[in-house]
Amino acid sequence: MKKIKLLMFALGLGISVAQGATVEEAMSKTDRLPGDMERDTRSHPEIVIPLLQLKAGDRVADIFAGGGYYSELLASVVGEQGEVLLLNNSAYKQFAGKALQQRLQGRELGSVVVYDREAENMELGENQLDAALIVMSYHDLYHVDDKSGWRAINPADFLGQIYTA
């Protein structure tokens, strides 16, 4: 029995499987944006992201992701087999503007998919997500600003879409 386990372990070492990184490994990548490394000290992704209990291959939505700070970290955690939906509605795209452009310009973000959808129909499907993340944005469901085009969102419908997904 021990020989079989040892053989399986040895064979496992020889197989190249795309695995996700730990949050700490994701945070220590040398190609991260300087502003992200500064933000780490106040956002504490090493505490927040593990609450999602993600594993390699998971599909997660970063809702109202703004400039994609968490999306990039999440992509490292779910690895190449996973997928991160960087979801912004039109008002959040305006808010994110240059920060999102900077993140996307000439940089490889792995499994991040820019997924622009309005909150009334996020098209997340049914049982399609392993996790969803909303950071510093829930209060925006109640925000109204005619200048930016932001209008109040029905919280029950919004959360219902996420729960269904």
Protein backbone atom coordinates (compact mmCIF):
# COMPACT_ATOMS: atom_id res chain seq x y z
CA MET A 1 0.00 0.00 0.00
CA LYS A 2 2.81 2.44 0.83
CA LYS A 3 4.50 1.75 -2.51
CA ILE A 4 1.33 2.64 -4.40
CA LYS A 5 0.93 5.91 -2.52
CA LEU A 6 4.55 6.77 -3.09
CA LEU A 7 4.24 5.99 -6.78
CA MET A 8 1.13 8.15 -7.09
CA PHE A 9 2.94 10.96 -5.32
CA ALA A 10 5.96 10.62 -7.58
CA LEU A 11 3.80 10.54 -10.69
CA GLY A 12 1.92 13.58 -9.46
CA LEU A 13 5.15 15.55 -9.31
CA GLY A 14 5.86 14.85 -12.96
CA ILE A 15 2.51 16.07 -14.24
CA SER A 16 2.26 19.72 -15.20
CA VAL A 17 -1.10 20.95 -13.97
CA ALA A 18 -2.02 24.62 -13.90
CA GLN A 19 -2.71 25.31 -10.26
CA GLY A 20 -3.81 28.47 -8.59
CA ALA A 21 -1.50 30.52 -6.46
CA THR A 22 -2.01 31.41 -2.84
CA VAL A 23 -3.08 34.98 -2.19
CA GLU A 24 0.37 35.70 -0.80
CA GLU A 25 1.98 34.39 -4.00
CA ALA A 26 -0.40 36.51 -6.07
CA MET A 27 0.47 39.56 -3.99
CA SER A 28 4.20 38.99 -4.42
CA LYS A 29 4.18 38.92 -8.23
CA THR A 30 6.75 41.39 -9.51
CA ASP A 31 4.61 42.70 -12.39
CA ARG A 32 1.84 44.09 -10.19
CA LEU A 33 0.95 47.75 -10.48
CA PRO A 34 2.66 49.97 -7.88
CA GLY A 35 -0.70 51.35 -6.74
CA ASP A 36 -1.92 47.82 -6.05
CA MET A 37 0.98 47.10 -3.74
CA GLU A 38 0.20 50.28 -1.84
CA ARG A 39 -3.49 49.32 -1.67
CA ASP A 40 -2.63 45.91 -0.19
CA THR A 41 -1.90 47.54 3.16
CA ARG A 42 -5.41 48.97 3.47
CA SER A 43 -7.47 46.36 1.59
CA HIS A 44 -5.87 43.23 3.12
CA PRO A 45 -6.62 40.81 0.26
CA GLU A 46 -4.75 38.13 2.24
CA ILE A 47 -7.68 38.24 4.68
CA VAL A 48 -10.56 38.94 2.28
CA ILE A 49 -9.90 36.47 -0.55
CA PRO A 50 -9.50 33.33 1.62
CA LEU A 51 -13.05 33.92 2.89
CA LEU A 52 -14.23 32.86 -0.59
CA GLN A 53 -12.56 29.44 -0.18
CA LEU A 54 -11.52 29.43 -3.84
CA LYS A 55 -9.53 26.69 -5.47
CA ALA A 56 -7.86 26.30 -8.84
CA GLY A 57 -10.43 26.04 -11.62
CA ASP A 58 -13.17 28.03 -9.84
CA ARG A 59 -15.28 30.65 -11.58
CA VAL A 60 -15.78 33.87 -9.65
CA ALA A 61 -17.42 37.22 -10.37
CA ASP A 62 -15.83 40.44 -9.13
CA ILE A 63 -18.95 42.59 -9.23
CA PHE A 64 -18.49 46.34 -9.73
CA ALA A 65 -14.81 45.54 -9.98
CA GLY A 66 -13.86 49.09 -10.91
CA GLY A 67 -10.19 49.07 -11.89
CA GLY A 68 -9.84 45.33 -11.32
CA TYR A 69 -7.58 45.27 -8.25
CA TYR A 70 -9.26 42.17 -6.79
CA SER A 71 -9.89 40.61 -10.22
CA GLU A 72 -6.18 40.37 -10.95
CA LEU A 73 -5.44 38.74 -7.58
CA LEU A 74 -8.39 36.37 -7.95
CA ALA A 75 -7.12 35.27 -11.38
CA SER A 76 -3.89 34.09 -9.80
CA VAL A 77 -5.80 32.16 -7.15
CA VAL A 78 -8.15 30.34 -9.57
CA GLY A 79 -5.33 29.75 -12.05
CA GLU A 80 -5.49 29.14 -15.79
CA GLN A 81 -8.32 26.61 -15.46
CA GLY A 82 -10.48 29.15 -13.61
CA GLU A 83 -12.21 32.31 -14.70
CA VAL A 84 -12.73 35.73 -13.13
CA LEU A 85 -15.50 37.94 -14.45
CA LEU A 86 -14.43 41.57 -14.03
CA LEU A 87 -17.94 42.96 -14.04
CA ASN A 88 -18.69 46.67 -14.34
CA ASN A 89 -21.86 48.38 -15.45
CA SER A 90 -21.69 51.53 -17.60
CA ALA A 91 -21.55 53.87 -14.58
CA TYR A 92 -18.74 51.86 -12.96
CA LYS A 93 -16.83 51.81 -16.24
CA GLN A 94 -16.85 55.61 -16.14
CA PHE A 95 -15.69 55.52 -12.53
CA ALA A 96 -12.94 52.98 -13.22
CA GLY A 97 -11.80 54.70 -16.41
CA LYS A 98 -8.04 55.14 -16.43
CA ALA A 99 -7.36 52.63 -13.65
CA LEU A 100 -8.92 49.81 -15.66
CA GLN A 101 -7.17 50.92 -18.86
CA GLN A 102 -3.83 50.92 -17.03
CA ARG A 103 -4.47 47.41 -15.70
CA LEU A 104 -5.40 46.02 -19.10
CA GLN A 105 -2.87 47.84 -21.27
CA GLY A 106 -0.11 45.45 -22.34
CA ARG A 107 -0.48 43.23 -19.27
CA GLU A 108 -1.40 39.55 -19.05
CA LEU A 109 -4.14 39.05 -16.48
CA GLY A 110 -4.56 35.33 -16.94
CA SER A 111 -8.13 34.18 -16.54
CA VAL A 112 -9.73 37.64 -16.20
CA VAL A 113 -12.62 38.28 -18.57
CA VAL A 114 -13.87 41.87 -18.85
CA TYR A 115 -17.60 41.34 -18.46
CA ASP A 116 -19.51 44.62 -18.83
CA ARG A 117 -23.17 44.19 -17.95
CA GLU A 118 -25.87 46.33 -16.42
CA ALA A 119 -26.98 45.37 -12.92
CA GLU A 120 -30.54 44.63 -14.06
CA ASN A 121 -29.29 41.77 -16.21
CA MET A 122 -25.78 40.61 -15.31
CA GLU A 123 -26.22 37.40 -17.36
CA LEU A 124 -24.51 35.27 -14.73
CA GLY A 125 -26.62 32.19 -15.43
CA GLU A 126 -27.74 29.54 -13.00
CA ASN A 127 -25.21 27.64 -10.89
CA GLN A 128 -22.38 29.07 -13.00
CA LEU A 129 -20.28 30.67 -10.24
CA ASP A 130 -18.29 29.23 -7.38
CA ALA A 131 -18.10 32.63 -5.68
CA ALA A 132 -18.88 36.31 -6.07
CA LEU A 133 -17.17 39.31 -4.56
CA ILE A 134 -18.50 42.84 -4.04
CA VAL A 135 -15.99 45.13 -2.34
CA MET A 136 -16.85 48.66 -1.22
CA SER A 137 -19.74 48.83 -3.68
CA TYR A 138 -22.94 47.49 -2.13
CA HIS A 139 -23.95 50.98 -1.02
CA ASP A 140 -23.92 52.01 -4.68
CA LEU A 141 -27.12 50.03 -5.23
CA TYR A 142 -28.90 52.96 -3.61
CA HIS A 143 -26.91 55.73 -5.27
CA VAL A 144 -28.49 58.03 -7.84
CA ASP A 145 -26.47 60.47 -9.97
CA ASP A 146 -28.05 61.79 -13.15
CA LYS A 147 -24.75 63.25 -14.37
CA SER A 148 -22.98 59.86 -14.48
CA GLY A 149 -26.08 57.90 -15.44
CA TRP A 150 -26.07 56.00 -12.16
CA ARG A 151 -29.52 55.03 -11.00
CA ALA A 152 -30.77 53.06 -8.03
CA ILE A 153 -30.72 49.29 -8.44
CA ASN A 154 -33.29 46.88 -7.04
CA PRO A 155 -31.26 45.13 -4.31
CA ALA A 156 -33.49 42.04 -4.18
CA ASP A 157 -33.19 41.47 -7.92
CA PHE A 158 -29.44 42.22 -7.89
CA LEU A 159 -28.70 39.80 -5.05
CA GLY A 160 -31.12 37.26 -6.53
CA GLN A 161 -29.08 37.15 -9.74
CA ILE A 162 -25.89 36.56 -7.76
CA TYR A 163 -27.48 33.91 -5.55
CA THR A 164 -28.88 32.07 -8.59
CA ALA A 165 -25.48 32.12 -10.27
